[in-house]
């Protein structure tokens, strides 16, 4: 089991940073998994647990109404655009994307990524499918370790020992990685790291494919379609 990470280096050709609570990560999962399968390469999937209040403020909703907020009008505008933009791509993939009613601490579910990579790497797509869509339907409490353990089992991954892991070794690995990310120039998800490149955003998938598949022909411009 891997017990430490360097933010910018990996034994694989591509590092992919994601966060369960990011709508942009959600709509990138399926295309990036498709690229992984197409190329026959295992990517190095890692968690970046976003500190959303530090740059977009915080808010809570109840029954669809804001009951607590410290966001400025500009921050609200950014949040609303993020959901509107991501929702278009979620719907095209057949998913439902509902705005969350609070800012979640997604670290336990993100530690689930580390657990899955260590115990059943081939089941990682199953874990993503078991956690992302129901979370964005507002059906999962990803702050509850028992819920995340059940997600693991649903995905065909053992949860035996996960609670101890997310409290102990897994938490240490997660937190040590998070401390490296901003100093390394990694701020959002999805972020793709390969060679000297740090690319933020789903729109870079065509360039990532071009780079990993031999750089044949001119490099593509950014685009949202795979």
C-alpha atoms as a PDB file:
ATOM      1  CA  UNK A   1       0.000   0.000   0.000  1.00  0.00           C
ATOM      2  CA  UNK A   2       1.376   3.377  -0.998  1.00  0.00           C
ATOM      3  CA  UNK A   3       1.998   5.461   2.112  1.00  0.00           C
ATOM      4  CA  UNK A   4       3.107   8.771   0.603  1.00  0.00           C
ATOM      5  CA  UNK A   5       2.770  10.851  -2.537  1.00  0.00           C
ATOM      6  CA  UNK A   6       4.754  13.557  -4.259  1.00  0.00           C
ATOM      7  CA  UNK A   7       2.332  16.079  -5.747  1.00  0.00           C
ATOM      8  CA  UNK A   8       3.893  16.233  -9.213  1.00  0.00           C
ATOM      9  CA  UNK A   9       5.486  12.819  -9.699  1.00  0.00           C
ATOM     10  CA  UNK A  10       4.108   9.346 -10.330  1.00  0.00           C
ATOM     11  CA  UNK A  11       5.092   5.967 -11.704  1.00  0.00           C
ATOM     12  CA  UNK A  12       2.269   6.350 -14.249  1.00  0.00           C
ATOM     13  CA  UNK A  13       2.133   8.695 -17.277  1.00  0.00           C
ATOM     14  CA  UNK A  14      -0.716  10.815 -15.878  1.00  0.00           C
ATOM     15  CA  UNK A  15      -1.899  12.034 -12.489  1.00  0.00           C
ATOM     16  CA  UNK A  16      -5.568  12.988 -12.244  1.00  0.00           C
ATOM     17  CA  UNK A  17      -6.755  15.031  -9.252  1.00  0.00           C
ATOM     18  CA  UNK A  18     -10.467  14.929  -8.414  1.00  0.00           C
ATOM     19  CA  UNK A  19     -12.844  15.759  -5.562  1.00  0.00           C
ATOM     20  CA  UNK A  20     -16.187  14.055  -4.928  1.00  0.00           C
ATOM     21  CA  UNK A  21     -17.861  17.411  -4.155  1.00  0.00           C
ATOM     22  CA  UNK A  22     -16.753  19.156  -7.357  1.00  0.00           C
ATOM     23  CA  UNK A  23     -19.347  19.307 -10.151  1.00  0.00           C
ATOM     24  CA  UNK A  24     -16.533  19.836 -12.641  1.00  0.00           C
ATOM     25  CA  UNK A  25     -14.789  16.671 -11.447  1.00  0.00           C
ATOM     26  CA  UNK A  26     -18.094  14.802 -11.677  1.00  0.00           C
ATOM     27  CA  UNK A  27     -18.604  15.586 -15.359  1.00  0.00           C
ATOM     28  CA  UNK A  28     -14.956  14.733 -16.130  1.00  0.00           C
ATOM     29  CA  UNK A  29     -14.936  11.250 -14.590  1.00  0.00           C
ATOM     30  CA  UNK A  30     -16.603   9.340 -17.418  1.00  0.00           C
ATOM     31  CA  UNK A  31     -14.556  10.923 -20.254  1.00  0.00           C
ATOM     32  CA  UNK A  32     -11.271  10.417 -18.396  1.00  0.00           C
ATOM     33  CA  UNK A  33     -12.118   6.809 -17.567  1.00  0.00           C
ATOM     34  CA  UNK A  34     -12.962   6.303 -21.249  1.00  0.00           C
ATOM     35  CA  UNK A  35      -9.574   7.735 -22.202  1.00  0.00           C
ATOM     36  CA  UNK A  36      -7.848   5.448 -19.697  1.00  0.00           C
ATOM     37  CA  UNK A  37      -9.589   2.426 -21.222  1.00  0.00           C
ATOM     38  CA  UNK A  38      -8.895   3.601 -24.774  1.00  0.00           C
ATOM     39  CA  UNK A  39      -5.171   3.958 -24.150  1.00  0.00           C
ATOM     40  CA  UNK A  40      -4.877   0.870 -21.959  1.00  0.00           C
ATOM     41  CA  UNK A  41      -3.012   2.914 -19.337  1.00  0.00           C
ATOM     42  CA  UNK A  42      -3.757   3.082 -15.637  1.00  0.00           C
ATOM     43  CA  UNK A  43      -3.789   6.698 -14.530  1.00  0.00           C
ATOM     44  CA  UNK A  44      -2.796   7.781 -11.043  1.00  0.00           C
ATOM     45  CA  UNK A  45      -6.075   9.048  -9.566  1.00  0.00           C
ATOM     46  CA  UNK A  46      -5.682  11.193  -6.451  1.00  0.00           C
ATOM     47  CA  UNK A  47      -7.893  13.316  -4.212  1.00  0.00           C
ATOM     48  CA  UNK A  48      -7.763  17.086  -3.950  1.00  0.00           C
ATOM     49  CA  UNK A  49     -10.183  18.028  -1.180  1.00  0.00           C
ATOM     50  CA  UNK A  50     -11.230  21.557  -2.046  1.00  0.00           C
ATOM     51  CA  UNK A  51     -11.435  24.271   0.599  1.00  0.00           C
ATOM     52  CA  UNK A  52     -14.352  26.012  -1.091  1.00  0.00           C
ATOM     53  CA  UNK A  53     -15.102  28.611   1.631  1.00  0.00           C
ATOM     54  CA  UNK A  54     -11.583  30.012   1.240  1.00  0.00           C
ATOM     55  CA  UNK A  55     -12.388  31.352  -2.234  1.00  0.00           C
ATOM     56  CA  UNK A  56     -16.164  31.112  -2.760  1.00  0.00           C
ATOM     57  CA  UNK A  57     -17.436  31.723   0.753  1.00  0.00           C
ATOM     58  CA  UNK A  58     -19.885  29.370   2.447  1.00  0.00           C
ATOM     59  CA  UNK A  59     -23.623  28.891   2.539  1.00  0.00           C
ATOM     60  CA  UNK A  60     -26.263  26.468   3.745  1.00  0.00           C
ATOM     61  CA  UNK A  61     -29.673  25.737   2.282  1.00  0.00           C
ATOM     62  CA  UNK A  62     -32.780  24.138   3.712  1.00  0.00           C
ATOM     63  CA  UNK A  63     -35.678  23.075   1.501  1.00  0.00           C
ATOM     64  CA  UNK A  64     -34.003  24.853  -1.393  1.00  0.00           C
ATOM     65  CA  UNK A  65     -33.732  28.201   0.421  1.00  0.00           C
ATOM     66  CA  UNK A  66     -30.534  29.834   1.667  1.00  0.00           C
ATOM     67  CA  UNK A  67     -30.650  29.939   5.467  1.00  0.00           C
ATOM     68  CA  UNK A  68     -27.039  30.953   6.109  1.00  0.00           C
ATOM     69  CA  UNK A  69     -24.471  32.648   3.888  1.00  0.00           C
ATOM     70  CA  UNK A  70     -21.338  34.774   3.970  1.00  0.00           C
ATOM     71  CA  UNK A  71     -20.957  34.929   0.178  1.00  0.00           C
ATOM     72  CA  UNK A  72     -20.710  38.150  -1.760  1.00  0.00           C
ATOM     73  CA  UNK A  73     -22.916  38.713  -4.851  1.00  0.00           C
ATOM     74  CA  UNK A  74     -19.842  38.048  -6.992  1.00  0.00           C
ATOM     75  CA  UNK A  75     -19.220  34.726  -5.238  1.00  0.00           C
ATOM     76  CA  UNK A  76     -22.858  33.688  -5.665  1.00  0.00           C
ATOM     77  CA  UNK A  77     -22.605  34.513  -9.355  1.00  0.00           C
ATOM     78  CA  UNK A  78     -19.543  32.255  -9.691  1.00  0.00           C
ATOM     79  CA  UNK A  79     -21.243  29.400  -7.851  1.00  0.00           C
ATOM     80  CA  UNK A  80     -24.398  29.613  -9.971  1.00  0.00           C
ATOM     81  CA  UNK A  81     -22.389  29.644 -13.196  1.00  0.00           C
ATOM     82  CA  UNK A  82     -20.344  26.629 -12.091  1.00  0.00           C
ATOM     83  CA  UNK A  83     -23.486  24.562 -11.555  1.00  0.00           C
ATOM     84  CA  UNK A  84     -25.198  25.743 -14.726  1.00  0.00           C
ATOM     85  CA  UNK A  85     -22.138  24.914 -16.814  1.00  0.00           C
ATOM     86  CA  UNK A  86     -21.538  21.504 -15.217  1.00  0.00           C
ATOM     87  CA  UNK A  87     -25.222  20.554 -15.277  1.00  0.00           C
ATOM     88  CA  UNK A  88     -25.293  20.755 -19.076  1.00  0.00           C
ATOM     89  CA  UNK A  89     -22.535  18.150 -19.345  1.00  0.00           C
ATOM     90  CA  UNK A  90     -23.962  15.954 -16.589  1.00  0.00           C
ATOM     91  CA  UNK A  91     -27.305  15.791 -18.368  1.00  0.00           C
ATOM     92  CA  UNK A  92     -25.590  14.869 -21.641  1.00  0.00           C
ATOM     93  CA  UNK A  93     -24.101  11.871 -19.819  1.00  0.00           C
ATOM     94  CA  UNK A  94     -27.492  10.876 -18.424  1.00  0.00           C
ATOM     95  CA  UNK A  95     -26.709  12.065 -14.888  1.00  0.00           C
ATOM     96  CA  UNK A  96     -28.620  14.271 -12.465  1.00  0.00           C
ATOM     97  CA  UNK A  97     -26.653  17.127 -10.903  1.00  0.00           C
ATOM     98  CA  UNK A  98     -28.385  18.945  -8.065  1.00  0.00           C
ATOM     99  CA  UNK A  99     -26.757  21.822  -6.230  1.00  0.00           C
ATOM    100  CA  UNK A 100     -25.587  20.793  -2.770  1.00  0.00           C
ATOM    101  CA  UNK A 101     -27.286  22.276   0.278  1.00  0.00           C
ATOM    102  CA  UNK A 102     -24.060  22.824   2.190  1.00  0.00           C
ATOM    103  CA  UNK A 103     -20.316  22.698   1.630  1.00  0.00           C
ATOM    104  CA  UNK A 104     -19.369  19.123   2.365  1.00  0.00           C
ATOM    105  CA  UNK A 105     -16.196  17.804   3.908  1.00  0.00           C
ATOM    106  CA  UNK A 106     -15.503  15.243   1.198  1.00  0.00           C
ATOM    107  CA  UNK A 107     -12.248  14.008   2.683  1.00  0.00           C
ATOM    108  CA  UNK A 108     -13.589  10.612   3.841  1.00  0.00           C
ATOM    109  CA  UNK A 109     -15.012   9.801   0.399  1.00  0.00           C
ATOM    110  CA  UNK A 110     -11.769  11.067  -1.146  1.00  0.00           C
ATOM    111  CA  UNK A 111      -9.765   8.828   1.169  1.00  0.00           C
ATOM    112  CA  UNK A 112     -11.959   6.116  -0.328  1.00  0.00           C
ATOM    113  CA  UNK A 113     -10.134   6.779  -3.610  1.00  0.00           C
ATOM    114  CA  UNK A 114      -6.809   6.048  -1.911  1.00  0.00           C
ATOM    115  CA  UNK A 115      -8.268   2.912  -0.301  1.00  0.00           C
ATOM    116  CA  UNK A 116      -9.639   1.652  -3.605  1.00  0.00           C
ATOM    117  CA  UNK A 117      -6.371   2.267  -5.438  1.00  0.00           C
ATOM    118  CA  UNK A 118      -4.547   0.309  -2.737  1.00  0.00           C
ATOM    119  CA  UNK A 119      -6.951  -2.633  -2.476  1.00  0.00           C
ATOM    120  CA  UNK A 120      -8.820  -3.023  -5.762  1.00  0.00           C
ATOM    121  CA  UNK A 121      -7.466  -0.642  -8.392  1.00  0.00           C
ATOM    122  CA  UNK A 122      -9.446  -2.358 -11.133  1.00  0.00           C
ATOM    123  CA  UNK A 123     -12.652  -1.452  -9.240  1.00  0.00           C
ATOM    124  CA  UNK A 124     -11.959   2.294  -9.212  1.00  0.00           C
ATOM    125  CA  UNK A 125     -14.496   3.013 -12.004  1.00  0.00           C
ATOM    126  CA  UNK A 126     -17.077   1.129  -9.917  1.00  0.00           C
ATOM    127  CA  UNK A 127     -16.253   3.252  -6.888  1.00  0.00           C
ATOM    128  CA  UNK A 128     -16.634   6.459  -8.865  1.00  0.00           C
ATOM    129  CA  UNK A 129     -19.985   5.283 -10.223  1.00  0.00           C
ATOM    130  CA  UNK A 130     -21.139   4.277  -6.739  1.00  0.00           C
ATOM    131  CA  UNK A 131     -20.205   7.588  -5.121  1.00  0.00           C
ATOM    132  CA  UNK A 132     -20.395  10.455  -7.638  1.00  0.00           C
ATOM    133  CA  UNK A 133     -23.908  10.067  -9.159  1.00  0.00           C
ATOM    134  CA  UNK A 134     -25.762   9.404  -5.869  1.00  0.00           C
ATOM    135  CA  UNK A 135     -23.895  12.212  -4.130  1.00  0.00           C
ATOM    136  CA  UNK A 136     -25.006  14.641  -6.841  1.00  0.00           C
ATOM    137  CA  UNK A 137     -28.571  13.334  -6.503  1.00  0.00           C
ATOM    138  CA  UNK A 138     -28.289  14.299  -2.792  1.00  0.00           C
ATOM    139  CA  UNK A 139     -28.563  10.684  -1.705  1.00  0.00           C
ATOM    140  CA  UNK A 140     -25.236  10.206   0.113  1.00  0.00           C
ATOM    141  CA  UNK A 141     -23.878  11.653   3.336  1.00  0.00           C
ATOM    142  CA  UNK A 142     -20.203  11.465   2.395  1.00  0.00           C
ATOM    143  CA  UNK A 143     -19.199  12.769   5.825  1.00  0.00           C
ATOM    144  CA  UNK A 144     -20.402   9.497   7.395  1.00  0.00           C
ATOM    145  CA  UNK A 145     -17.682   6.792   7.361  1.00  0.00           C
ATOM    146  CA  UNK A 146     -20.321   4.060   7.468  1.00  0.00           C
ATOM    147  CA  UNK A 147     -21.952   5.456   4.326  1.00  0.00           C
ATOM    148  CA  UNK A 148     -18.617   5.551   2.502  1.00  0.00           C
ATOM    149  CA  UNK A 149     -17.872   1.999   3.662  1.00  0.00           C
ATOM    150  CA  UNK A 150     -21.198   0.915   2.192  1.00  0.00           C
ATOM    151  CA  UNK A 151     -20.308   2.655  -1.082  1.00  0.00           C
ATOM    152  CA  UNK A 152     -17.093   0.642  -1.179  1.00  0.00           C
ATOM    153  CA  UNK A 153     -19.010  -2.598  -0.706  1.00  0.00           C
ATOM    154  CA  UNK A 154     -21.511  -1.567  -3.388  1.00  0.00           C
ATOM    155  CA  UNK A 155     -18.570  -1.102  -5.746  1.00  0.00           C
ATOM    156  CA  UNK A 156     -17.261  -4.581  -4.933  1.00  0.00           C
ATOM    157  CA  UNK A 157     -14.390  -3.335  -2.743  1.00  0.00           C
ATOM    158  CA  UNK A 158     -13.787  -4.605   0.758  1.00  0.00           C
ATOM    159  CA  UNK A 159     -14.495  -2.084   3.498  1.00  0.00           C
ATOM    160  CA  UNK A 160     -12.895  -4.246   6.179  1.00  0.00           C
ATOM    161  CA  UNK A 161     -10.418  -1.934   7.900  1.00  0.00           C
ATOM    162  CA  UNK A 162     -11.555   1.209   6.071  1.00  0.00           C
ATOM    163  CA  UNK A 163     -12.776   2.991   9.205  1.00  0.00           C
ATOM    164  CA  UNK A 164      -9.393   2.588  10.870  1.00  0.00           C
ATOM    165  CA  UNK A 165      -7.687   3.652   7.637  1.00  0.00           C
ATOM    166  CA  UNK A 166      -9.717   6.838   7.181  1.00  0.00           C
ATOM    167  CA  UNK A 167      -9.022   7.788  10.795  1.00  0.00           C
ATOM    168  CA  UNK A 168      -5.341   6.820  10.775  1.00  0.00           C
ATOM    169  CA  UNK A 169      -2.975   5.983   7.926  1.00  0.00           C
ATOM    170  CA  UNK A 170      -5.310   7.097   5.150  1.00  0.00           C
ATOM    171  CA  UNK A 171      -5.980  10.430   6.836  1.00  0.00           C
ATOM    172  CA  UNK A 172      -2.265  11.051   7.224  1.00  0.00           C
ATOM    173  CA  UNK A 173      -1.588  10.250   3.566  1.00  0.00           C
ATOM    174  CA  UNK A 174      -4.508  12.440   2.449  1.00  0.00           C
ATOM    175  CA  UNK A 175      -3.542  15.413   4.612  1.00  0.00           C
ATOM    176  CA  UNK A 176       0.145  15.230   3.694  1.00  0.00           C
ATOM    177  CA  UNK A 177      -0.802  15.264   0.006  1.00  0.00           C
ATOM    178  CA  UNK A 178      -3.186  18.203   0.421  1.00  0.00           C
ATOM    179  CA  UNK A 179      -0.432  20.246   2.054  1.00  0.00           C
ATOM    180  CA  UNK A 180       1.715  19.844  -1.076  1.00  0.00           C
ATOM    181  CA  UNK A 181      -0.848  20.786  -3.700  1.00  0.00           C
ATOM    182  CA  UNK A 182      -1.120  24.589  -3.552  1.00  0.00           C
ATOM    183  CA  UNK A 183       2.665  25.086  -3.296  1.00  0.00           C
ATOM    184  CA  UNK A 184       2.987  22.823  -6.357  1.00  0.00           C
ATOM    185  CA  UNK A 185       0.529  24.949  -8.351  1.00  0.00           C
ATOM    186  CA  UNK A 186      -2.478  22.607  -8.129  1.00  0.00           C
ATOM    187  CA  UNK A 187      -5.628  24.443  -7.071  1.00  0.00           C
ATOM    188  CA  UNK A 188      -8.713  22.860  -8.632  1.00  0.00           C
ATOM    189  CA  UNK A 189     -10.244  19.730 -10.110  1.00  0.00           C
ATOM    190  CA  UNK A 190      -9.982  18.011 -12.418  1.00  0.00           C
ATOM    191  CA  UNK A 191      -6.276  18.704 -12.761  1.00  0.00           C
ATOM    192  CA  UNK A 192      -4.036  16.661 -15.044  1.00  0.00           C
ATOM    193  CA  UNK A 193      -0.316  16.395 -14.320  1.00  0.00           C
ATOM    194  CA  UNK A 194       2.187  14.918 -16.785  1.00  0.00           C
ATOM    195  CA  UNK A 195       5.755  15.902 -17.560  1.00  0.00           C
ATOM    196  CA  UNK A 196       6.020  19.627 -16.967  1.00  0.00           C
ATOM    197  CA  UNK A 197       2.294  20.169 -17.513  1.00  0.00           C
ATOM    198  CA  UNK A 198      -0.289  21.058 -14.888  1.00  0.00           C
ATOM    199  CA  UNK A 199      -3.619  21.459 -16.701  1.00  0.00           C
ATOM    200  CA  UNK A 200      -6.813  22.402 -14.874  1.00  0.00           C
ATOM    201  CA  UNK A 201     -10.149  21.641 -16.471  1.00  0.00           C
ATOM    202  CA  UNK A 202     -12.051  19.015 -18.423  1.00  0.00           C
ATOM    203  CA  UNK A 203     -11.471  20.962 -21.630  1.00  0.00           C
ATOM    204  CA  UNK A 204      -7.854  19.744 -21.709  1.00  0.00           C
ATOM    205  CA  UNK A 205      -8.782  16.080 -22.239  1.00  0.00           C
ATOM    206  CA  UNK A 206      -8.128  16.207 -26.027  1.00  0.00           C
ATOM    207  CA  UNK A 207      -4.636  17.586 -25.405  1.00  0.00           C
ATOM    208  CA  UNK A 208      -3.979  14.939 -22.756  1.00  0.00           C
ATOM    209  CA  UNK A 209      -5.039  12.248 -25.238  1.00  0.00           C
ATOM    210  CA  UNK A 210      -2.801  13.715 -27.951  1.00  0.00           C
ATOM    211  CA  UNK A 211       0.174  13.792 -25.595  1.00  0.00           C
ATOM    212  CA  UNK A 212      -0.292  10.265 -24.237  1.00  0.00           C
ATOM    213  CA  UNK A 213      -1.059   8.680 -27.597  1.00  0.00           C
ATOM    214  CA  UNK A 214       2.157   9.713 -29.311  1.00  0.00           C
ATOM    215  CA  UNK A 215       1.637  13.375 -30.254  1.00  0.00           C
ATOM    216  CA  UNK A 216       0.696  12.537 -33.823  1.00  0.00           C
ATOM    217  CA  UNK A 217      -0.373  15.519 -35.882  1.00  0.00           C
ATOM    218  CA  UNK A 218      -0.890  19.040 -34.579  1.00  0.00           C
ATOM    219  CA  UNK A 219      -1.753  19.487 -30.924  1.00  0.00           C
ATOM    220  CA  UNK A 220      -5.498  20.006 -30.480  1.00  0.00           C
ATOM    221  CA  UNK A 221      -6.982  23.158 -29.055  1.00  0.00           C
ATOM    222  CA  UNK A 222      -9.007  22.916 -25.833  1.00  0.00           C
ATOM    223  CA  UNK A 223     -12.446  21.409 -26.281  1.00  0.00           C
ATOM    224  CA  UNK A 224     -15.174  19.889 -24.152  1.00  0.00           C
ATOM    225  CA  UNK A 225     -15.863  16.904 -26.358  1.00  0.00           C
ATOM    226  CA  UNK A 226     -13.693  13.812 -26.143  1.00  0.00           C
END
